[in-house]
C-alpha atoms as a PDB file:
ATOM      1  CA  MET A   1       9.089   8.019  66.315  1.00  0.00           C
ATOM      2  CA  LYS A   2       7.935   9.527  69.606  1.00  0.00           C
ATOM      3  CA  LYS A   3      10.641  11.438  71.493  1.00  0.00           C
ATOM      4  CA  LYS A   4      10.994  10.519  75.180  1.00  0.00           C
ATOM      5  CA  VAL A   5      10.817  13.408  77.656  1.00  0.00           C
ATOM      6  CA  ASN A   6      13.998  13.691  79.718  1.00  0.00           C
ATOM      7  CA  PHE A   7      12.667  14.891  83.072  1.00  0.00           C
ATOM      8  CA  LYS A   8      16.105  15.014  84.658  1.00  0.00           C
ATOM      9  CA  LYS A   9      17.440  17.333  81.955  1.00  0.00           C
ATOM     10  CA  THR A  10      14.324  19.522  82.167  1.00  0.00           C
ATOM     11  CA  PHE A  11      14.633  19.921  85.938  1.00  0.00           C
ATOM     12  CA  LEU A  12      18.403  20.533  85.697  1.00  0.00           C
ATOM     13  CA  ILE A  13      17.986  23.260  83.079  1.00  0.00           C
ATOM     14  CA  THR A  14      15.159  24.834  85.093  1.00  0.00           C
ATOM     15  CA  LEU A  15      17.318  24.726  88.223  1.00  0.00           C
ATOM     16  CA  ILE A  16      20.315  26.343  86.496  1.00  0.00           C
ATOM     17  CA  VAL A  17      18.222  29.051  84.853  1.00  0.00           C
ATOM     18  CA  SER A  18      16.229  29.819  88.005  1.00  0.00           C
ATOM     19  CA  LEU A  19      19.292  30.025  90.231  1.00  0.00           C
ATOM     20  CA  SER A  20      21.031  32.262  87.689  1.00  0.00           C
ATOM     21  CA  ILE A  21      17.996  34.554  87.423  1.00  0.00           C
ATOM     22  CA  SER A  22      17.658  34.545  91.200  1.00  0.00           C
ATOM     23  CA  ALA A  23      21.297  35.559  91.544  1.00  0.00           C
ATOM     24  CA  LEU A  24      20.879  38.372  89.008  1.00  0.00           C
ATOM     25  CA  ILE A  25      17.714  39.639  90.684  1.00  0.00           C
ATOM     26  CA  GLY A  26      19.375  39.420  94.095  1.00  0.00           C
ATOM     27  CA  ILE A  27      22.406  41.362  92.887  1.00  0.00           C
ATOM     28  CA  PHE A  28      20.173  43.986  91.238  1.00  0.00           C
ATOM     29  CA  VAL A  29      18.046  44.350  94.366  1.00  0.00           C
ATOM     30  CA  PHE A  30      21.113  44.724  96.604  1.00  0.00           C
ATOM     31  CA  LEU A  31      22.802  47.231  94.305  1.00  0.00           C
ATOM     32  CA  PHE A  32      19.910  49.256  92.895  1.00  0.00           C
ATOM     33  CA  GLY A  33      16.615  48.146  94.400  1.00  0.00           C
ATOM     34  CA  ASP A  34      14.599  49.499  97.232  1.00  0.00           C
ATOM     35  CA  PHE A  35      13.606  46.054  98.538  1.00  0.00           C
ATOM     36  CA  GLY A  36      10.046  46.768  97.551  1.00  0.00           C
ATOM     37  CA  GLU A  37       7.186  44.368  97.147  1.00  0.00           C
ATOM     38  CA  THR A  38       7.875  43.597  93.465  1.00  0.00           C
ATOM     39  CA  GLU A  39      11.563  42.872  94.027  1.00  0.00           C
ATOM     40  CA  PHE A  40      10.685  40.616  96.928  1.00  0.00           C
ATOM     41  CA  ARG A  41       8.113  38.716  94.858  1.00  0.00           C
ATOM     42  CA  LEU A  42      10.502  38.302  91.927  1.00  0.00           C
ATOM     43  CA  LEU A  43      13.212  36.999  94.206  1.00  0.00           C
ATOM     44  CA  MET A  44      10.804  34.627  95.990  1.00  0.00           C
ATOM     45  CA  THR A  45       9.472  33.359  92.649  1.00  0.00           C
ATOM     46  CA  THR A  46      12.919  32.516  91.318  1.00  0.00           C
ATOM     47  CA  LEU A  47      13.891  30.893  94.611  1.00  0.00           C
ATOM     48  CA  THR A  48      10.651  28.892  94.454  1.00  0.00           C
ATOM     49  CA  ILE A  49      11.526  27.722  90.948  1.00  0.00           C
ATOM     50  CA  GLY A  50      14.940  26.663  92.234  1.00  0.00           C
ATOM     51  CA  GLY A  51      13.566  24.841  95.271  1.00  0.00           C
ATOM     52  CA  TYR A  52      10.863  22.920  93.466  1.00  0.00           C
ATOM     53  CA  SER A  53      13.199  22.203  90.527  1.00  0.00           C
ATOM     54  CA  LEU A  54      15.543  20.598  93.012  1.00  0.00           C
ATOM     55  CA  THR A  55      12.808  18.405  94.513  1.00  0.00           C
ATOM     56  CA  GLY A  56      11.613  17.491  91.026  1.00  0.00           C
ATOM     57  CA  LEU A  57      15.177  16.700  89.966  1.00  0.00           C
ATOM     58  CA  CYS A  58      15.627  14.304  92.890  1.00  0.00           C
ATOM     59  CA  CYS A  59      12.496  12.446  91.809  1.00  0.00           C
ATOM     60  CA  SER A  60      13.395  12.501  88.102  1.00  0.00           C
ATOM     61  CA  VAL A  61      16.710  10.736  88.749  1.00  0.00           C
ATOM     62  CA  LEU A  62      14.857   7.816  90.333  1.00  0.00           C
ATOM     63  CA  TYR A  63      12.282   7.890  87.529  1.00  0.00           C
ATOM     64  CA  GLU A  64      15.046   7.614  84.901  1.00  0.00           C
ATOM     65  CA  LYS A  65      16.404   4.545  86.689  1.00  0.00           C
ATOM     66  CA  ARG A  66      12.942   2.983  86.244  1.00  0.00           C
ATOM     67  CA  LYS A  67      12.777   2.323  89.967  1.00  0.00           C
ATOM     68  CA  PHE A  68       9.743   3.133  92.075  1.00  0.00           C
ATOM     69  CA  SER A  69       8.315   4.978  89.067  1.00  0.00           C
ATOM     70  CA  ILE A  70       4.967   5.767  90.697  1.00  0.00           C
ATOM     71  CA  LEU A  71       6.657   7.437  93.682  1.00  0.00           C
ATOM     72  CA  ALA A  72       9.091   9.299  91.425  1.00  0.00           C
ATOM     73  CA  LEU A  73       6.349  10.502  89.080  1.00  0.00           C
ATOM     74  CA  SER A  74       4.204  11.517  92.068  1.00  0.00           C
ATOM     75  CA  GLY A  75       7.134  13.512  93.429  1.00  0.00           C
ATOM     76  CA  MET A  76       7.604  15.314  90.120  1.00  0.00           C
ATOM     77  CA  ILE A  77       3.883  16.116  89.969  1.00  0.00           C
ATOM     78  CA  LEU A  78       3.947  17.317  93.601  1.00  0.00           C
ATOM     79  CA  SER A  79       6.878  19.580  92.734  1.00  0.00           C
ATOM     80  CA  VAL A  80       5.035  21.151  89.811  1.00  0.00           C
ATOM     81  CA  ILE A  81       1.798  21.575  91.778  1.00  0.00           C
ATOM     82  CA  GLY A  82       3.720  22.936  94.778  1.00  0.00           C
ATOM     83  CA  PHE A  83       5.558  25.395  92.555  1.00  0.00           C
ATOM     84  CA  LEU A  84       2.376  26.650  90.878  1.00  0.00           C
ATOM     85  CA  PHE A  85       0.554  26.985  94.187  1.00  0.00           C
ATOM     86  CA  THR A  86       3.491  28.776  95.848  1.00  0.00           C
ATOM     87  CA  VAL A  87       3.782  31.253  92.962  1.00  0.00           C
ATOM     88  CA  LEU A  88       0.053  31.984  93.192  1.00  0.00           C
ATOM     89  CA  VAL A  89       0.508  32.728  96.891  1.00  0.00           C
ATOM     90  CA  ILE A  90       3.615  34.878  96.298  1.00  0.00           C
ATOM     91  CA  TRP A  91       1.798  37.003  93.725  1.00  0.00           C
ATOM     92  CA  GLU A  92      -1.368  37.074  95.865  1.00  0.00           C
ATOM     93  CA  ALA A  93      -3.603  35.379  93.304  1.00  0.00           C
ATOM     94  CA  ILE A  94      -4.527  33.230  96.306  1.00  0.00           C
ATOM     95  CA  GLY A  95      -4.625  34.712  99.797  1.00  0.00           C
ATOM     96  CA  LEU A  96      -2.094  33.354 102.275  1.00  0.00           C
ATOM     97  CA  GLU A  97      -4.629  33.442 105.107  1.00  0.00           C
ATOM     98  CA  ASP A  98      -6.806  30.890 103.369  1.00  0.00           C
ATOM     99  CA  SER A  99      -4.077  28.790 101.821  1.00  0.00           C
ATOM    100  CA  TRP A 100      -1.077  28.625 104.141  1.00  0.00           C
ATOM    101  CA  LYS A 101      -1.956  25.069 105.173  1.00  0.00           C
ATOM    102  CA  THR A 102      -1.979  23.867 101.578  1.00  0.00           C
ATOM    103  CA  LEU A 103       1.278  25.711 100.932  1.00  0.00           C
ATOM    104  CA  MET A 104       2.984  24.071 103.930  1.00  0.00           C
ATOM    105  CA  ILE A 105       1.662  20.616 102.996  1.00  0.00           C
ATOM    106  CA  CYS A 106       2.959  21.033  99.421  1.00  0.00           C
ATOM    107  CA  ILE A 107       6.404  21.893 100.764  1.00  0.00           C
ATOM    108  CA  ILE A 108       6.391  18.972 103.222  1.00  0.00           C
ATOM    109  CA  LEU A 109       5.250  16.440 100.607  1.00  0.00           C
ATOM    110  CA  ALA A 110       7.626  17.666  97.879  1.00  0.00           C
ATOM    111  CA  PHE A 111      10.623  17.632 100.225  1.00  0.00           C
ATOM    112  CA  SER A 112       9.780  14.251 101.785  1.00  0.00           C
ATOM    113  CA  THR A 113       9.157  12.611  98.433  1.00  0.00           C
ATOM    114  CA  ALA A 114      12.398  14.010  97.005  1.00  0.00           C
ATOM    115  CA  GLN A 115      14.335  12.817 100.050  1.00  0.00           C
ATOM    116  CA  SER A 116      12.815   9.338  99.722  1.00  0.00           C
ATOM    117  CA  CYS A 117      13.568   9.219  95.990  1.00  0.00           C
ATOM    118  CA  LEU A 118      17.216  10.056  96.594  1.00  0.00           C
ATOM    119  CA  LEU A 119      17.496   7.339  99.214  1.00  0.00           C
ATOM    120  CA  LEU A 120      15.835   4.800  96.952  1.00  0.00           C
ATOM    121  CA  LEU A 121      18.725   5.256  94.509  1.00  0.00           C
ATOM    122  CA  VAL A 122      20.777   3.163  96.933  1.00  0.00           C
ATOM    123  CA  ASN A 123      21.020  -0.414  95.663  1.00  0.00           C
ATOM    124  CA  PRO A 124      21.337  -2.381  98.882  1.00  0.00           C
ATOM    125  CA  GLU A 125      22.639  -5.911  98.695  1.00  0.00           C
ATOM    126  CA  LYS A 126      23.113  -6.557 102.392  1.00  0.00           C
ATOM    127  CA  THR A 127      20.229  -7.109 104.781  1.00  0.00           C
ATOM    128  CA  LEU A 128      21.612  -4.470 107.142  1.00  0.00           C
ATOM    129  CA  VAL A 129      21.475  -1.807 104.430  1.00  0.00           C
ATOM    130  CA  LYS A 130      17.995  -2.905 103.311  1.00  0.00           C
ATOM    131  CA  GLY A 131      16.820  -2.575 106.917  1.00  0.00           C
ATOM    132  CA  SER A 132      18.410   0.851 107.286  1.00  0.00           C
ATOM    133  CA  LEU A 133      16.841   2.021 104.026  1.00  0.00           C
ATOM    134  CA  SER A 134      13.390   0.716 104.953  1.00  0.00           C
ATOM    135  CA  ALA A 135      13.555   2.198 108.451  1.00  0.00           C
ATOM    136  CA  THR A 136      14.653   5.579 107.092  1.00  0.00           C
ATOM    137  CA  ILE A 137      11.800   5.691 104.568  1.00  0.00           C
ATOM    138  CA  ILE A 138       9.426   4.925 107.453  1.00  0.00           C
ATOM    139  CA  PHE A 139      10.992   7.716 109.562  1.00  0.00           C
ATOM    140  CA  ILE A 140      10.660  10.188 106.655  1.00  0.00           C
ATOM    141  CA  SER A 141       6.990   9.230 106.323  1.00  0.00           C
ATOM    142  CA  ILE A 142       6.325   9.564 110.049  1.00  0.00           C
ATOM    143  CA  VAL A 143       7.968  13.004 110.193  1.00  0.00           C
ATOM    144  CA  ALA A 144       5.986  14.165 107.155  1.00  0.00           C
ATOM    145  CA  LEU A 145       2.693  12.895 108.586  1.00  0.00           C
ATOM    146  CA  MET A 146       3.382  14.413 111.996  1.00  0.00           C
ATOM    147  CA  LEU A 147       4.213  17.785 110.394  1.00  0.00           C
ATOM    148  CA  ILE A 148       1.099  17.645 108.232  1.00  0.00           C
ATOM    149  CA  LYS A 149      -0.999  16.903 111.335  1.00  0.00           C
ATOM    150  CA  LEU A 150       0.526  19.952 113.055  1.00  0.00           C
ATOM    151  CA  VAL A 151      -0.280  22.137 110.053  1.00  0.00           C
ATOM    152  CA  LEU A 152      -3.846  20.867 109.732  1.00  0.00           C
ATOM    153  CA  ASN A 153      -4.429  21.505 113.445  1.00  0.00           C
ATOM    154  CA  GLU A 154      -2.800  24.942 113.128  1.00  0.00           C
ATOM    155  CA  PHE A 155      -0.191  23.908 115.707  1.00  0.00           C
ATOM    156  CA  ASP A 156      -2.924  23.837 118.370  1.00  0.00           C
ATOM    157  CA  ASP A 157      -3.320  21.022 120.850  1.00  0.00           C
ATOM    158  CA  ALA A 158       0.215  19.752 120.266  1.00  0.00           C
ATOM    159  CA  SER A 159       1.667  18.632 123.544  1.00  0.00           C
ATOM    160  CA  GLU A 160       5.283  18.776 124.570  1.00  0.00           C
ATOM    161  CA  SER A 161       5.467  14.998 124.179  1.00  0.00           C
ATOM    162  CA  TYR A 162       4.252  15.313 120.566  1.00  0.00           C
ATOM    163  CA  PHE A 163       7.145  17.652 119.767  1.00  0.00           C
ATOM    164  CA  ARG A 164       9.572  15.361 121.607  1.00  0.00           C
ATOM    165  CA  ILE A 165       8.428  12.364 119.564  1.00  0.00           C
ATOM    166  CA  LEU A 166       8.595  14.449 116.362  1.00  0.00           C
ATOM    167  CA  GLY A 167      12.150  15.441 117.311  1.00  0.00           C
ATOM    168  CA  VAL A 168      13.160  11.812 117.861  1.00  0.00           C
ATOM    169  CA  PHE A 169      11.798  10.743 114.469  1.00  0.00           C
ATOM    170  CA  ALA A 170      13.391  13.779 112.781  1.00  0.00           C
ATOM    171  CA  ILE A 171      16.774  12.797 114.254  1.00  0.00           C
ATOM    172  CA  LEU A 172      16.295   9.193 113.085  1.00  0.00           C
ATOM    173  CA  ASP A 173      15.256  10.517 109.649  1.00  0.00           C
ATOM    174  CA  VAL A 174      18.444  12.601 109.318  1.00  0.00           C
ATOM    175  CA  LEU A 175      20.619   9.828 110.742  1.00  0.00           C
ATOM    176  CA  GLY A 176      19.236   7.251 108.320  1.00  0.00           C
ATOM    177  CA  THR A 177      19.523   9.628 105.378  1.00  0.00           C
ATOM    178  CA  ILE A 178      23.221  10.140 106.083  1.00  0.00           C
ATOM    179  CA  VAL A 179      24.127   6.648 107.286  1.00  0.00           C
ATOM    180  CA  THR A 180      22.293   4.469 104.734  1.00  0.00           C
ATOM    181  CA  PRO A 181      24.347   5.441 101.643  1.00  0.00           C
ATOM    182  CA  ILE A 182      27.574   5.292 103.657  1.00  0.00           C
ATOM    183  CA  LEU A 183      26.625   1.921 105.116  1.00  0.00           C
ATOM    184  CA  ASN A 184      25.842   0.649 101.621  1.00  0.00           C
ATOM    185  CA  LYS A 185      29.271   1.785 100.416  1.00  0.00           C
ATOM    186  CA  VAL A 186      31.056   0.212 103.382  1.00  0.00           C
ATOM    187  CA  CYS A 187      29.178  -3.071 103.007  1.00  0.00           C
ATOM    188  CA  SER A 188      29.961  -3.249  99.287  1.00  0.00           C
ATOM    189  CA  MET A 189      33.716  -2.782  99.801  1.00  0.00           C
ATOM    190  CA  ARG A 190      35.799  -5.865  99.440  1.00  0.00           C
ATOM    191  CA  HIS A 191      38.247  -6.750 102.193  1.00  0.00           C
END
């Protein structure tokens, strides 16, 4: 009988281990280290494991619920690819000059996908909540695409109005992310 891979457990264990190692390295560096290049890279690597484990965990929870499986699986894959790419940059196997755009896009996509996966765990029954959820997913997508466009254009040619519009959508993104689960809870309460 084939054993099913438990992605959530894998990401949780990776998160716990990486945060613990990061804490130990941080403590060692503060007490005994000279804040050299190797200590910095070790600390950044363990923090990278923690960050991408967290984004992967968010996606794995949705995947386990068998909801939006393609998005959840894509988010887990993005987290792994983002982690590997970031570690290669940290340890200078790939030069930052040539790859900073890819690095930033990996971070944007992993974070946005994880945020969307967490929101999609909401089981809306009311039309108001469904609308809020849909609008928030759209806002997350718009913010991600606008940030990616900035990165690809190396932040050149971005007008003040572009940043104003990005700010508006970022505010709506955050508002929807906070309000949607609360609104779902309020709407599901019985009088």
